[in-house]
Amino acid sequence: MEQLEHIRNIERTDRISSLRERTLSSPRYLSLEQARIITRIYKKHENVSVSLKRAHALAASLTEMPISIDPFELLVGNRTPTFAGKTLYHLARMLLRERKVLLALDRDRGNRTPPIDWLGG
């Protein structure tokens, strides 16, 4: 607990304050750009190994996706074209986590939930 208090009391620099404000005030949205690129590349290279598919998808993403540069960033780039975007990967993880919680609650109540497609319903 003492370490946590120490961290809370660290004085924020202008850079950190700006990034924090931007993080808290930016509206979130789902970015499909990378999902579209990955889907297209995986279909184009369906007969190669997963490692090669990932390499082709990374190359296409680095070539095709726009990069936003914030003056306060030390490392530039993101998985989406803007700061506040989230990828389908984030959405899928959230839905899976939610499904696991619901299944655990059902088990605790003694219910047996039939398996369903976690993305579809």
PDB file of N, CA and C in Angstrom:
ATOM      1  N   MET A   1       0.814  -1.197   0.000  1.00  0.00           N
ATOM      2  CA  MET A   1       0.000   0.000   0.000  1.00  0.00           C
ATOM      3  C   MET A   1       0.857   1.260   0.000  1.00  0.00           C
ATOM      4  N   GLU A   2       1.981   1.198   0.681  1.00  0.00           N
ATOM      5  CA  GLU A   2       2.863   2.361   0.757  1.00  0.00           C
ATOM      6  C   GLU A   2       3.395   2.734  -0.628  1.00  0.00           C
ATOM      7  N   GLN A   3       3.740   1.717  -1.427  1.00  0.00           N
ATOM      8  CA  GLN A   3       4.226   1.980  -2.782  1.00  0.00           C
ATOM      9  C   GLN A   3       3.138   2.619  -3.645  1.00  0.00           C
ATOM     10  N   LEU A   4       1.904   2.169  -3.475  1.00  0.00           N
ATOM     11  CA  LEU A   4       0.796   2.725  -4.241  1.00  0.00           C
ATOM     12  C   LEU A   4       0.592   4.200  -3.887  1.00  0.00           C
ATOM     13  N   GLU A   5       0.660   4.538  -2.636  1.00  0.00           N
ATOM     14  CA  GLU A   5       0.545   5.941  -2.221  1.00  0.00           C
ATOM     15  C   GLU A   5       1.672   6.772  -2.808  1.00  0.00           C
ATOM     16  N   HIS A   6       2.865   6.219  -2.818  1.00  0.00           N
ATOM     17  CA  HIS A   6       4.004   6.927  -3.397  1.00  0.00           C
ATOM     18  C   HIS A   6       3.747   7.228  -4.881  1.00  0.00           C
ATOM     19  N   ILE A   7       3.220   6.247  -5.593  1.00  0.00           N
ATOM     20  CA  ILE A   7       2.932   6.427  -7.019  1.00  0.00           C
ATOM     21  C   ILE A   7       1.846   7.487  -7.214  1.00  0.00           C
ATOM     22  N   ARG A   8       0.814   7.452  -6.377  1.00  0.00           N
ATOM     23  CA  ARG A   8      -0.268   8.438  -6.486  1.00  0.00           C
ATOM     24  C   ARG A   8       0.223   9.862  -6.239  1.00  0.00           C
ATOM     25  N   ASN A   9       1.263  10.005  -5.445  1.00  0.00           N
ATOM     26  CA  ASN A   9       1.747  11.331  -5.077  1.00  0.00           C
ATOM     27  C   ASN A   9       2.847  11.869  -5.995  1.00  0.00           C
ATOM     28  N   ILE A  10       3.219  11.121  -7.011  1.00  0.00           N
ATOM     29  CA  ILE A  10       4.229  11.611  -7.945  1.00  0.00           C
ATOM     30  C   ILE A  10       3.650  12.787  -8.724  1.00  0.00           C
ATOM     31  N   GLU A  11       4.397  13.854  -8.816  1.00  0.00           N
ATOM     32  CA  GLU A  11       3.940  15.036  -9.539  1.00  0.00           C
ATOM     33  C   GLU A  11       3.916  14.751 -11.043  1.00  0.00           C
ATOM     34  N   ARG A  12       2.819  15.142 -11.687  1.00  0.00           N
ATOM     35  CA  ARG A  12       2.680  14.908 -13.123  1.00  0.00           C
ATOM     36  C   ARG A  12       3.376  16.002 -13.916  1.00  0.00           C
ATOM     37  N   THR A  13       4.072  15.574 -14.952  1.00  0.00           N
ATOM     38  CA  THR A  13       4.679  16.537 -15.878  1.00  0.00           C
ATOM     39  C   THR A  13       3.600  17.053 -16.822  1.00  0.00           C
ATOM     40  N   ASP A  14       3.905  18.092 -17.573  1.00  0.00           N
ATOM     41  CA  ASP A  14       2.957  18.607 -18.563  1.00  0.00           C
ATOM     42  C   ASP A  14       2.615  17.539 -19.597  1.00  0.00           C
ATOM     43  N   ARG A  15       3.620  16.765 -19.988  1.00  0.00           N
ATOM     44  CA  ARG A  15       3.401  15.713 -20.985  1.00  0.00           C
ATOM     45  C   ARG A  15       2.421  14.666 -20.456  1.00  0.00           C
ATOM     46  N   ILE A  16       2.630  14.208 -19.244  1.00  0.00           N
ATOM     47  CA  ILE A  16       1.750  13.188 -18.649  1.00  0.00           C
ATOM     48  C   ILE A  16       0.353  13.753 -18.424  1.00  0.00           C
ATOM     49  N   SER A  17       0.268  14.985 -17.965  1.00  0.00           N
ATOM     50  CA  SER A  17      -1.043  15.613 -17.758  1.00  0.00           C
ATOM     51  C   SER A  17      -1.810  15.717 -19.067  1.00  0.00           C
ATOM     52  N   SER A  18      -1.128  16.097 -20.139  1.00  0.00           N
ATOM     53  CA  SER A  18      -1.768  16.207 -21.445  1.00  0.00           C
ATOM     54  C   SER A  18      -2.246  14.843 -21.938  1.00  0.00           C
ATOM     55  N   LEU A  19      -1.405  13.833 -21.827  1.00  0.00           N
ATOM     56  CA  LEU A  19      -1.782  12.481 -22.268  1.00  0.00           C
ATOM     57  C   LEU A  19      -2.946  11.939 -21.436  1.00  0.00           C
ATOM     58  N   ARG A  20      -2.924  12.203 -20.138  1.00  0.00           N
ATOM     59  CA  ARG A  20      -4.005  11.747 -19.255  1.00  0.00           C
ATOM     60  C   ARG A  20      -5.320  12.408 -19.651  1.00  0.00           C
ATOM     61  N   GLU A  21      -5.304  13.723 -19.846  1.00  0.00           N
ATOM     62  CA  GLU A  21      -6.505  14.452 -20.241  1.00  0.00           C
ATOM     63  C   GLU A  21      -7.032  13.945 -21.580  1.00  0.00           C
ATOM     64  N   ARG A  22      -6.131  13.718 -22.489  1.00  0.00           N
ATOM     65  CA  ARG A  22      -6.534  13.210 -23.805  1.00  0.00           C
ATOM     66  C   ARG A  22      -7.160  11.829 -23.685  1.00  0.00           C
ATOM     67  N   THR A  23      -6.585  10.984 -22.866  1.00  0.00           N
ATOM     68  CA  THR A  23      -7.111   9.635 -22.659  1.00  0.00           C
ATOM     69  C   THR A  23      -8.507   9.670 -22.059  1.00  0.00           C
ATOM     70  N   LEU A  24      -8.694  10.512 -21.070  1.00  0.00           N
ATOM     71  CA  LEU A  24      -9.983  10.554 -20.380  1.00  0.00           C
ATOM     72  C   LEU A  24     -11.067  11.277 -21.174  1.00  0.00           C
ATOM     73  N   SER A  25     -10.695  12.214 -22.031  1.00  0.00           N
ATOM     74  CA  SER A  25     -11.704  13.008 -22.730  1.00  0.00           C
ATOM     75  C   SER A  25     -12.013  12.524 -24.146  1.00  0.00           C
ATOM     76  N   SER A  26     -11.188  11.673 -24.705  1.00  0.00           N
ATOM     77  CA  SER A  26     -11.408  11.223 -26.090  1.00  0.00           C
ATOM     78  C   SER A  26     -12.527  10.193 -26.156  1.00  0.00           C
ATOM     79  N   PRO A  27     -13.480  10.391 -27.058  1.00  0.00           N
ATOM     80  CA  PRO A  27     -14.532   9.379 -27.219  1.00  0.00           C
ATOM     81  C   PRO A  27     -13.940   8.111 -27.825  1.00  0.00           C
ATOM     82  N   ARG A  28     -14.337   6.975 -27.325  1.00  0.00           N
ATOM     83  CA  ARG A  28     -13.848   5.691 -27.820  1.00  0.00           C
ATOM     84  C   ARG A  28     -14.667   5.252 -29.029  1.00  0.00           C
ATOM     85  N   TYR A  29     -14.049   4.502 -29.906  1.00  0.00           N
ATOM     86  CA  TYR A  29     -14.752   3.962 -31.065  1.00  0.00           C
ATOM     87  C   TYR A  29     -14.070   2.676 -31.492  1.00  0.00           C
ATOM     88  N   LEU A  30     -14.795   1.871 -32.240  1.00  0.00           N
ATOM     89  CA  LEU A  30     -14.272   0.612 -32.759  1.00  0.00           C
ATOM     90  C   LEU A  30     -13.664   0.867 -34.131  1.00  0.00           C
ATOM     91  N   SER A  31     -12.395   0.550 -34.287  1.00  0.00           N
ATOM     92  CA  SER A  31     -11.683   0.760 -35.544  1.00  0.00           C
ATOM     93  C   SER A  31     -11.641  -0.544 -36.331  1.00  0.00           C
ATOM     94  N   LEU A  32     -12.127  -0.498 -37.552  1.00  0.00           N
ATOM     95  CA  LEU A  32     -12.179  -1.697 -38.387  1.00  0.00           C
ATOM     96  C   LEU A  32     -11.055  -1.776 -39.406  1.00  0.00           C
ATOM     97  N   GLU A  33     -10.240  -0.724 -39.524  1.00  0.00           N
ATOM     98  CA  GLU A  33      -9.205  -0.679 -40.551  1.00  0.00           C
ATOM     99  C   GLU A  33      -8.288  -1.898 -40.511  1.00  0.00           C
ATOM    100  N   GLN A  34      -7.740  -2.180 -39.332  1.00  0.00           N
ATOM    101  CA  GLN A  34      -6.809  -3.298 -39.230  1.00  0.00           C
ATOM    102  C   GLN A  34      -7.510  -4.640 -39.456  1.00  0.00           C
ATOM    103  N   ALA A  35      -8.740  -4.761 -38.972  1.00  0.00           N
ATOM    104  CA  ALA A  35      -9.495  -6.007 -39.179  1.00  0.00           C
ATOM    105  C   ALA A  35      -9.711  -6.268 -40.665  1.00  0.00           C
ATOM    106  N   ARG A  36     -10.014  -5.220 -41.416  1.00  0.00           N
ATOM    107  CA  ARG A  36     -10.217  -5.376 -42.863  1.00  0.00           C
ATOM    108  C   ARG A  36      -8.923  -5.797 -43.563  1.00  0.00           C
ATOM    109  N   ILE A  37      -7.827  -5.185 -43.168  1.00  0.00           N
ATOM    110  CA  ILE A  37      -6.530  -5.532 -43.765  1.00  0.00           C
ATOM    111  C   ILE A  37      -6.183  -6.983 -43.464  1.00  0.00           C
ATOM    112  N   ILE A  38      -6.293  -7.365 -42.197  1.00  0.00           N
ATOM    113  CA  ILE A  38      -5.940  -8.737 -41.797  1.00  0.00           C
ATOM    114  C   ILE A  38      -6.832  -9.747 -42.514  1.00  0.00           C
ATOM    115  N   THR A  39      -8.120  -9.473 -42.576  1.00  0.00           N
ATOM    116  CA  THR A  39      -9.046 -10.389 -43.253  1.00  0.00           C
ATOM    117  C   THR A  39      -8.669 -10.554 -44.719  1.00  0.00           C
ATOM    118  N   ARG A  40      -8.408  -9.443 -45.403  1.00  0.00           N
ATOM    119  CA  ARG A  40      -8.038  -9.497 -46.818  1.00  0.00           C
ATOM    120  C   ARG A  40      -6.752 -10.298 -47.022  1.00  0.00           C
ATOM    121  N   ILE A  41      -5.745 -10.040 -46.202  1.00  0.00           N
ATOM    122  CA  ILE A  41      -4.450 -10.717 -46.341  1.00  0.00           C
ATOM    123  C   ILE A  41      -4.562 -12.201 -46.001  1.00  0.00           C
ATOM    124  N   TYR A  42      -5.303 -12.533 -44.945  1.00  0.00           N
ATOM    125  CA  TYR A  42      -5.463 -13.944 -44.590  1.00  0.00           C
ATOM    126  C   TYR A  42      -6.175 -14.710 -45.707  1.00  0.00           C
ATOM    127  N   LYS A  43      -7.166 -14.087 -46.335  1.00  0.00           N
ATOM    128  CA  LYS A  43      -7.849 -14.743 -47.462  1.00  0.00           C
ATOM    129  C   LYS A  43      -6.901 -14.903 -48.651  1.00  0.00           C
ATOM    130  N   LYS A  44      -6.115 -13.874 -48.914  1.00  0.00           N
ATOM    131  CA  LYS A  44      -5.175 -13.904 -50.044  1.00  0.00           C
ATOM    132  C   LYS A  44      -4.103 -14.978 -49.847  1.00  0.00           C
ATOM    133  N   HIS A  45      -3.691 -15.212 -48.605  1.00  0.00           N
ATOM    134  CA  HIS A  45      -2.615 -16.154 -48.295  1.00  0.00           C
ATOM    135  C   HIS A  45      -3.133 -17.334 -47.461  1.00  0.00           C
ATOM    136  N   GLU A  46      -4.286 -17.860 -47.831  1.00  0.00           N
ATOM    137  CA  GLU A  46      -4.898 -18.904 -47.011  1.00  0.00           C
ATOM    138  C   GLU A  46      -4.100 -20.212 -46.981  1.00  0.00           C
ATOM    139  N   ASN A  47      -3.224 -20.435 -47.941  1.00  0.00           N
ATOM    140  CA  ASN A  47      -2.495 -21.705 -47.998  1.00  0.00           C
ATOM    141  C   ASN A  47      -1.084 -21.636 -47.415  1.00  0.00           C
ATOM    142  N   VAL A  48      -0.763 -20.576 -46.683  1.00  0.00           N
ATOM    143  CA  VAL A  48       0.563 -20.483 -46.064  1.00  0.00           C
ATOM    144  C   VAL A  48       0.419 -20.618 -44.553  1.00  0.00           C
ATOM    145  N   SER A  49       1.536 -20.764 -43.865  1.00  0.00           N
ATOM    146  CA  SER A  49       1.514 -20.946 -42.410  1.00  0.00           C
ATOM    147  C   SER A  49       0.987 -19.701 -41.702  1.00  0.00           C
ATOM    148  N   VAL A  50       0.568 -19.872 -40.472  1.00  0.00           N
ATOM    149  CA  VAL A  50       0.066 -18.757 -39.670  1.00  0.00           C
ATOM    150  C   VAL A  50       1.151 -17.694 -39.506  1.00  0.00           C
ATOM    151  N   SER A  51       2.387 -18.127 -39.321  1.00  0.00           N
ATOM    152  CA  SER A  51       3.488 -17.163 -39.166  1.00  0.00           C
ATOM    153  C   SER A  51       3.626 -16.270 -40.396  1.00  0.00           C
ATOM    154  N   LEU A  52       3.541 -16.869 -41.573  1.00  0.00           N
ATOM    155  CA  LEU A  52       3.632 -16.076 -42.807  1.00  0.00           C
ATOM    156  C   LEU A  52       2.407 -15.189 -43.001  1.00  0.00           C
ATOM    157  N   LYS A  53       1.229 -15.683 -42.622  1.00  0.00           N
ATOM    158  CA  LYS A  53       0.030 -14.846 -42.701  1.00  0.00           C
ATOM    159  C   LYS A  53       0.203 -13.611 -41.825  1.00  0.00           C
ATOM    160  N   ARG A  54       0.690 -13.823 -40.614  1.00  0.00           N
ATOM    161  CA  ARG A  54       0.898 -12.694 -39.696  1.00  0.00           C
ATOM    162  C   ARG A  54       1.929 -11.718 -40.244  1.00  0.00           C
ATOM    163  N   ALA A  55       2.972 -12.245 -40.831  1.00  0.00           N
ATOM    164  CA  ALA A  55       4.008 -11.377 -41.406  1.00  0.00           C
ATOM    165  C   ALA A  55       3.436 -10.547 -42.552  1.00  0.00           C
ATOM    166  N   HIS A  56       2.663 -11.178 -43.434  1.00  0.00           N
ATOM    167  CA  HIS A  56       2.035 -10.451 -44.541  1.00  0.00           C
ATOM    168  C   HIS A  56       1.043  -9.407 -44.011  1.00  0.00           C
ATOM    169  N   ALA A  57       0.289  -9.782 -42.980  1.00  0.00           N
ATOM    170  CA  ALA A  57      -0.693  -8.850 -42.401  1.00  0.00           C
ATOM    171  C   ALA A  57       0.006  -7.658 -41.752  1.00  0.00           C
ATOM    172  N   LEU A  58       1.107  -7.910 -41.057  1.00  0.00           N
ATOM    173  CA  LEU A  58       1.866  -6.816 -40.446  1.00  0.00           C
ATOM    174  C   LEU A  58       2.423  -5.883 -41.522  1.00  0.00           C
ATOM    175  N   ALA A  59       2.994  -6.458 -42.572  1.00  0.00           N
ATOM    176  CA  ALA A  59       3.547  -5.642 -43.660  1.00  0.00           C
ATOM    177  C   ALA A  59       2.448  -4.780 -44.296  1.00  0.00           C
ATOM    178  N   ALA A  60       1.288  -5.361 -44.532  1.00  0.00           N
ATOM    179  CA  ALA A  60       0.182  -4.608 -45.135  1.00  0.00           C
ATOM    180  C   ALA A  60      -0.309  -3.521 -44.186  1.00  0.00           C
ATOM    181  N   SER A  61      -0.408  -3.829 -42.903  1.00  0.00           N
ATOM    182  CA  SER A  61      -0.857  -2.833 -41.925  1.00  0.00           C
ATOM    183  C   SER A  61       0.114  -1.667 -41.844  1.00  0.00           C
ATOM    184  N   LEU A  62       1.415  -1.977 -41.816  1.00  0.00           N
ATOM    185  CA  LEU A  62       2.419  -0.911 -41.733  1.00  0.00           C
ATOM    186  C   LEU A  62       2.431  -0.045 -42.985  1.00  0.00           C
ATOM    187  N   THR A  63       2.097  -0.647 -44.123  1.00  0.00           N
ATOM    188  CA  THR A  63       2.092   0.078 -45.387  1.00  0.00           C
ATOM    189  C   THR A  63       0.815   0.897 -45.570  1.00  0.00           C
ATOM    190  N   GLU A  64      -0.314   0.345 -45.168  1.00  0.00           N
ATOM    191  CA  GLU A  64      -1.611   0.932 -45.517  1.00  0.00           C
ATOM    192  C   GLU A  64      -2.260   1.791 -44.442  1.00  0.00           C
ATOM    193  N   MET A  65      -1.967   1.536 -43.188  1.00  0.00           N
ATOM    194  CA  MET A  65      -2.665   2.274 -42.125  1.00  0.00           C
ATOM    195  C   MET A  65      -2.032   3.638 -41.875  1.00  0.00           C
ATOM    196  N   PRO A  66      -2.859   4.657 -41.714  1.00  0.00           N
ATOM    197  CA  PRO A  66      -2.318   5.980 -41.391  1.00  0.00           C
ATOM    198  C   PRO A  66      -1.740   6.013 -39.983  1.00  0.00           C
ATOM    199  N   ILE A  67      -0.811   6.911 -39.767  1.00  0.00           N
ATOM    200  CA  ILE A  67      -0.183   7.070 -38.456  1.00  0.00           C
ATOM    201  C   ILE A  67      -0.482   8.474 -37.953  1.00  0.00           C
ATOM    202  N   SER A  68      -0.979   8.563 -36.731  1.00  0.00           N
ATOM    203  CA  SER A  68      -1.158   9.880 -36.130  1.00  0.00           C
ATOM    204  C   SER A  68       0.013  10.110 -35.174  1.00  0.00           C
ATOM    205  N   ILE A  69       0.524  11.323 -35.167  1.00  0.00           N
ATOM    206  CA  ILE A  69       1.665  11.657 -34.316  1.00  0.00           C
ATOM    207  C   ILE A  69       1.237  12.751 -33.347  1.00  0.00           C
ATOM    208  N   ASP A  70       1.277  12.425 -32.080  1.00  0.00           N
ATOM    209  CA  ASP A  70       0.945  13.377 -31.034  1.00  0.00           C
ATOM    210  C   ASP A  70       2.230  14.023 -30.538  1.00  0.00           C
ATOM    211  N   PRO A  71       2.249  15.326 -30.333  1.00  0.00           N
ATOM    212  CA  PRO A  71       3.490  15.984 -29.921  1.00  0.00           C
ATOM    213  C   PRO A  71       4.020  15.510 -28.564  1.00  0.00           C
ATOM    214  N   PHE A  72       3.157  14.904 -27.729  1.00  0.00           N
ATOM    215  CA  PHE A  72       3.604  14.460 -26.414  1.00  0.00           C
ATOM    216  C   PHE A  72       4.003  12.978 -26.375  1.00  0.00           C
ATOM    217  N   GLU A  73       3.835  12.258 -27.476  1.00  0.00           N
ATOM    218  CA  GLU A  73       4.197  10.841 -27.504  1.00  0.00           C
ATOM    219  C   GLU A  73       5.707  10.673 -27.630  1.00  0.00           C
ATOM    220  N   LEU A  74       6.232   9.726 -26.890  1.00  0.00           N
ATOM    221  CA  LEU A  74       7.644   9.384 -27.022  1.00  0.00           C
ATOM    222  C   LEU A  74       7.823   8.282 -28.060  1.00  0.00           C
ATOM    223  N   LEU A  75       6.835   7.394 -28.141  1.00  0.00           N
ATOM    224  CA  LEU A  75       6.802   6.337 -29.152  1.00  0.00           C
ATOM    225  C   LEU A  75       5.586   6.594 -30.029  1.00  0.00           C
ATOM    226  N   VAL A  76       5.772   6.612 -31.325  1.00  0.00           N
ATOM    227  CA  VAL A  76       4.700   6.970 -32.246  1.00  0.00           C
ATOM    228  C   VAL A  76       4.082   5.713 -32.841  1.00  0.00           C
ATOM    229  N   GLY A  77       2.773   5.746 -32.984  1.00  0.00           N
ATOM    230  CA  GLY A  77       2.070   4.659 -33.643  1.00  0.00           C
ATOM    231  C   GLY A  77       1.074   3.995 -32.723  1.00  0.00           C
ATOM    232  N   ASN A  78       0.095   3.354 -33.337  1.00  0.00           N
ATOM    233  CA  ASN A  78      -0.969   2.705 -32.612  1.00  0.00           C
ATOM    234  C   ASN A  78      -1.544   1.633 -33.518  1.00  0.00           C
ATOM    235  N   ARG A  79      -2.371   0.774 -32.954  1.00  0.00           N
ATOM    236  CA  ARG A  79      -2.999  -0.263 -33.770  1.00  0.00           C
ATOM    237  C   ARG A  79      -4.197   0.272 -34.537  1.00  0.00           C
ATOM    238  N   THR A  80      -4.568   1.504 -34.266  1.00  0.00           N
ATOM    239  CA  THR A  80      -5.664   2.166 -34.978  1.00  0.00           C
ATOM    240  C   THR A  80      -5.160   3.526 -35.460  1.00  0.00           C
ATOM    241  N   PRO A  81      -5.847   4.139 -36.434  1.00  0.00           N
ATOM    242  CA  PRO A  81      -5.352   5.416 -36.970  1.00  0.00           C
ATOM    243  C   PRO A  81      -5.354   6.564 -35.961  1.00  0.00           C
ATOM    244  N   THR A  82      -6.169   6.482 -34.916  1.00  0.00           N
ATOM    245  CA  THR A  82      -6.194   7.555 -33.922  1.00  0.00           C
ATOM    246  C   THR A  82      -6.025   6.999 -32.524  1.00  0.00           C
ATOM    247  N   PHE A  83      -5.828   7.885 -31.609  1.00  0.00           N
ATOM    248  CA  PHE A  83      -5.528   7.558 -30.213  1.00  0.00           C
ATOM    249  C   PHE A  83      -6.634   6.753 -29.533  1.00  0.00           C
ATOM    250  N   ALA A  84      -7.887   7.089 -29.781  1.00  0.00           N
ATOM    251  CA  ALA A  84      -8.998   6.521 -29.013  1.00  0.00           C
ATOM    252  C   ALA A  84      -9.613   5.269 -29.628  1.00  0.00           C
ATOM    253  N   GLY A  85      -9.109   4.823 -30.759  1.00  0.00           N
ATOM    254  CA  GLY A  85      -9.692   3.664 -31.417  1.00  0.00           C
ATOM    255  C   GLY A  85      -9.342   2.357 -30.728  1.00  0.00           C
ATOM    256  N   LYS A  86     -10.243   1.424 -30.791  1.00  0.00           N
ATOM    257  CA  LYS A  86     -10.022   0.071 -30.291  1.00  0.00           C
ATOM    258  C   LYS A  86     -10.232  -0.895 -31.440  1.00  0.00           C
ATOM    259  N   THR A  87      -9.461  -1.964 -31.446  1.00  0.00           N
ATOM    260  CA  THR A  87      -9.566  -2.949 -32.521  1.00  0.00           C
ATOM    261  C   THR A  87     -10.620  -3.998 -32.201  1.00  0.00           C
ATOM    262  N   LEU A  88     -10.970  -4.794 -33.185  1.00  0.00           N
ATOM    263  CA  LEU A  88     -11.899  -5.903 -32.953  1.00  0.00           C
ATOM    264  C   LEU A  88     -11.346  -6.875 -31.926  1.00  0.00           C
ATOM    265  N   TYR A  89     -10.024  -6.991 -31.853  1.00  0.00           N
ATOM    266  CA  TYR A  89      -9.400  -7.859 -30.864  1.00  0.00           C
ATOM    267  C   TYR A  89      -9.829  -7.449 -29.457  1.00  0.00           C
ATOM    268  N   HIS A  90      -9.841  -6.143 -29.183  1.00  0.00           N
ATOM    269  CA  HIS A  90     -10.262  -5.659 -27.874  1.00  0.00           C
ATOM    270  C   HIS A  90     -11.730  -6.000 -27.607  1.00  0.00           C
ATOM    271  N   LEU A  91     -12.574  -5.808 -28.629  1.00  0.00           N
ATOM    272  CA  LEU A  91     -13.988  -6.125 -28.485  1.00  0.00           C
ATOM    273  C   LEU A  91     -14.181  -7.617 -28.237  1.00  0.00           C
ATOM    274  N   ALA A  92     -13.488  -8.455 -28.985  1.00  0.00           N
ATOM    275  CA  ALA A  92     -13.614  -9.900 -28.824  1.00  0.00           C
ATOM    276  C   ALA A  92     -13.172 -10.331 -27.427  1.00  0.00           C
ATOM    277  N   ARG A  93     -12.071  -9.771 -26.936  1.00  0.00           N
ATOM    278  CA  ARG A  93     -11.614 -10.101 -25.572  1.00  0.00           C
ATOM    279  C   ARG A  93     -12.649  -9.690 -24.532  1.00  0.00           C
ATOM    280  N   MET A  94     -13.244  -8.501 -24.697  1.00  0.00           N
ATOM    281  CA  MET A  94     -14.243  -8.035 -23.755  1.00  0.00           C
ATOM    282  C   MET A  94     -15.464  -8.953 -23.768  1.00  0.00           C
ATOM    283  N   LEU A  95     -15.930  -9.337 -24.968  1.00  0.00           N
ATOM    284  CA  LEU A  95     -17.094 -10.211 -25.068  1.00  0.00           C
ATOM    285  C   LEU A  95     -16.810 -11.589 -24.475  1.00  0.00           C
ATOM    286  N   LEU A  96     -15.623 -12.107 -24.715  1.00  0.00           N
ATOM    287  CA  LEU A  96     -15.261 -13.401 -24.167  1.00  0.00           C
ATOM    288  C   LEU A  96     -15.210 -13.341 -22.641  1.00  0.00           C
ATOM    289  N   ARG A  97     -14.606 -12.283 -22.108  1.00  0.00           N
ATOM    290  CA  ARG A  97     -14.527 -12.107 -20.652  1.00  0.00           C
ATOM    291  C   ARG A  97     -15.934 -12.012 -20.060  1.00  0.00           C
ATOM    292  N   GLU A  98     -16.817 -11.259 -20.725  1.00  0.00           N
ATOM    293  CA  GLU A  98     -18.196 -11.106 -20.270  1.00  0.00           C
ATOM    294  C   GLU A  98     -18.907 -12.465 -20.281  1.00  0.00           C
ATOM    295  N   ARG A  99     -18.699 -13.224 -21.330  1.00  0.00           N
ATOM    296  CA  ARG A  99     -19.323 -14.557 -21.439  1.00  0.00           C
ATOM    297  C   ARG A  99     -18.841 -15.469 -20.318  1.00  0.00           C
ATOM    298  N   LYS A 100     -17.546 -15.430 -20.015  1.00  0.00           N
ATOM    299  CA  LYS A 100     -17.010 -16.265 -18.940  1.00  0.00           C
ATOM    300  C   LYS A 100     -17.612 -15.875 -17.596  1.00  0.00           C
ATOM    301  N   VAL A 101     -17.799 -14.588 -17.370  1.00  0.00           N
ATOM    302  CA  VAL A 101     -18.410 -14.126 -16.121  1.00  0.00           C
ATOM    303  C   VAL A 101     -19.844 -14.623 -16.026  1.00  0.00           C
ATOM    304  N   LEU A 102     -20.604 -14.503 -17.125  1.00  0.00           N
ATOM    305  CA  LEU A 102     -21.987 -14.972 -17.114  1.00  0.00           C
ATOM    306  C   LEU A 102     -22.071 -16.474 -16.876  1.00  0.00           C
ATOM    307  N   LEU A 103     -21.169 -17.233 -17.495  1.00  0.00           N
ATOM    308  CA  LEU A 103     -21.158 -18.685 -17.276  1.00  0.00           C
ATOM    309  C   LEU A 103     -20.831 -19.016 -15.824  1.00  0.00           C
ATOM    310  N   ALA A 104     -19.886 -18.285 -15.233  1.00  0.00           N
ATOM    311  CA  ALA A 104     -19.530 -18.514 -13.832  1.00  0.00           C
ATOM    312  C   ALA A 104     -20.713 -18.195 -12.928  1.00  0.00           C
ATOM    313  N   LEU A 105     -21.439 -17.123 -13.208  1.00  0.00           N
ATOM    314  CA  LEU A 105     -22.623 -16.782 -12.411  1.00  0.00           C
ATOM    315  C   LEU A 105     -23.684 -17.862 -12.524  1.00  0.00           C
ATOM    316  N   ASP A 106     -23.887 -18.373 -13.746  1.00  0.00           N
ATOM    317  CA  ASP A 106     -24.855 -19.455 -13.942  1.00  0.00           C
ATOM    318  C   ASP A 106     -24.449 -20.702 -13.174  1.00  0.00           C
ATOM    319  N   ARG A 107     -23.172 -21.035 -13.218  1.00  0.00           N
ATOM    320  CA  ARG A 107     -22.692 -22.209 -12.478  1.00  0.00           C
ATOM    321  C   ARG A 107     -22.923 -22.029 -10.985  1.00  0.00           C
ATOM    322  N   ASP A 108     -22.655 -20.828 -10.488  1.00  0.00           N
ATOM    323  CA  ASP A 108     -22.859 -20.557  -9.058  1.00  0.00           C
ATOM    324  C   ASP A 108     -24.325 -20.707  -8.664  1.00  0.00           C
ATOM    325  N   ARG A 109     -25.223 -20.431  -9.593  1.00  0.00           N
ATOM    326  CA  ARG A 109     -26.658 -20.560  -9.328  1.00  0.00           C
ATOM    327  C   ARG A 109     -27.155 -21.982  -9.589  1.00  0.00           C
ATOM    328  N   GLY A 110     -26.266 -22.854 -10.064  1.00  0.00           N
ATOM    329  CA  GLY A 110     -26.654 -24.232 -10.348  1.00  0.00           C
ATOM    330  C   GLY A 110     -27.265 -24.425 -11.723  1.00  0.00           C
ATOM    331  N   ASN A 111     -27.209 -23.409 -12.562  1.00  0.00           N
ATOM    332  CA  ASN A 111     -27.770 -23.525 -13.912  1.00  0.00           C
ATOM    333  C   ASN A 111     -26.745 -24.157 -14.846  1.00  0.00           C
ATOM    334  N   ARG A 112     -27.238 -24.879 -15.804  1.00  0.00           N
ATOM    335  CA  ARG A 112     -26.369 -25.413 -16.851  1.00  0.00           C
ATOM    336  C   ARG A 112     -26.696 -24.669 -18.130  1.00  0.00           C
ATOM    337  N   THR A 113     -25.775 -23.809 -18.545  1.00  0.00           N
ATOM    338  CA  THR A 113     -25.984 -23.007 -19.747  1.00  0.00           C
ATOM    339  C   THR A 113     -25.514 -23.794 -20.965  1.00  0.00           C
ATOM    340  N   PRO A 114     -26.378 -23.954 -21.973  1.00  0.00           N
ATOM    341  CA  PRO A 114     -25.925 -24.654 -23.177  1.00  0.00           C
ATOM    342  C   PRO A 114     -24.863 -23.829 -23.893  1.00  0.00           C
ATOM    343  N   PRO A 115     -23.879 -24.497 -24.502  1.00  0.00           N
ATOM    344  CA  PRO A 115     -22.839 -23.742 -25.202  1.00  0.00           C
ATOM    345  C   PRO A 115     -23.445 -22.961 -26.373  1.00  0.00           C
ATOM    346  N   ILE A 116     -23.030 -21.708 -26.493  1.00  0.00           N
ATOM    347  CA  ILE A 116     -23.471 -20.880 -27.615  1.00  0.00           C
ATOM    348  C   ILE A 116     -22.267 -20.166 -28.205  1.00  0.00           C
ATOM    349  N   ASP A 117     -22.427 -19.662 -29.379  1.00  0.00           N
ATOM    350  CA  ASP A 117     -21.375 -18.899 -30.020  1.00  0.00           C
ATOM    351  C   ASP A 117     -21.199 -17.600 -29.269  1.00  0.00           C
ATOM    352  N   TRP A 118     -20.031 -17.363 -28.677  1.00  0.00           N
ATOM    353  CA  TRP A 118     -19.822 -16.200 -27.798  1.00  0.00           C
ATOM    354  C   TRP A 118     -19.883 -14.885 -28.536  1.00  0.00           C
ATOM    355  N   LEU A 119     -19.688 -14.868 -29.834  1.00  0.00           N
ATOM    356  CA  LEU A 119     -19.835 -13.606 -30.576  1.00  0.00           C
ATOM    357  C   LEU A 119     -21.257 -13.429 -31.094  1.00  0.00           C
ATOM    358  N   GLY A 120     -21.924 -14.534 -31.357  1.00  0.00           N
ATOM    359  CA  GLY A 120     -23.222 -14.438 -31.998  1.00  0.00           C
ATOM    360  C   GLY A 120     -24.413 -14.472 -31.069  1.00  0.00           C
ATOM    361  N   GLY A 121     -24.235 -14.987 -29.880  1.00  0.00           N
ATOM    362  CA  GLY A 121     -25.426 -14.881 -29.087  1.00  0.00           C
ATOM    363  C   GLY A 121     -25.708 -15.891 -28.107  1.00  0.00           C
TER     364      GLY A 121
END
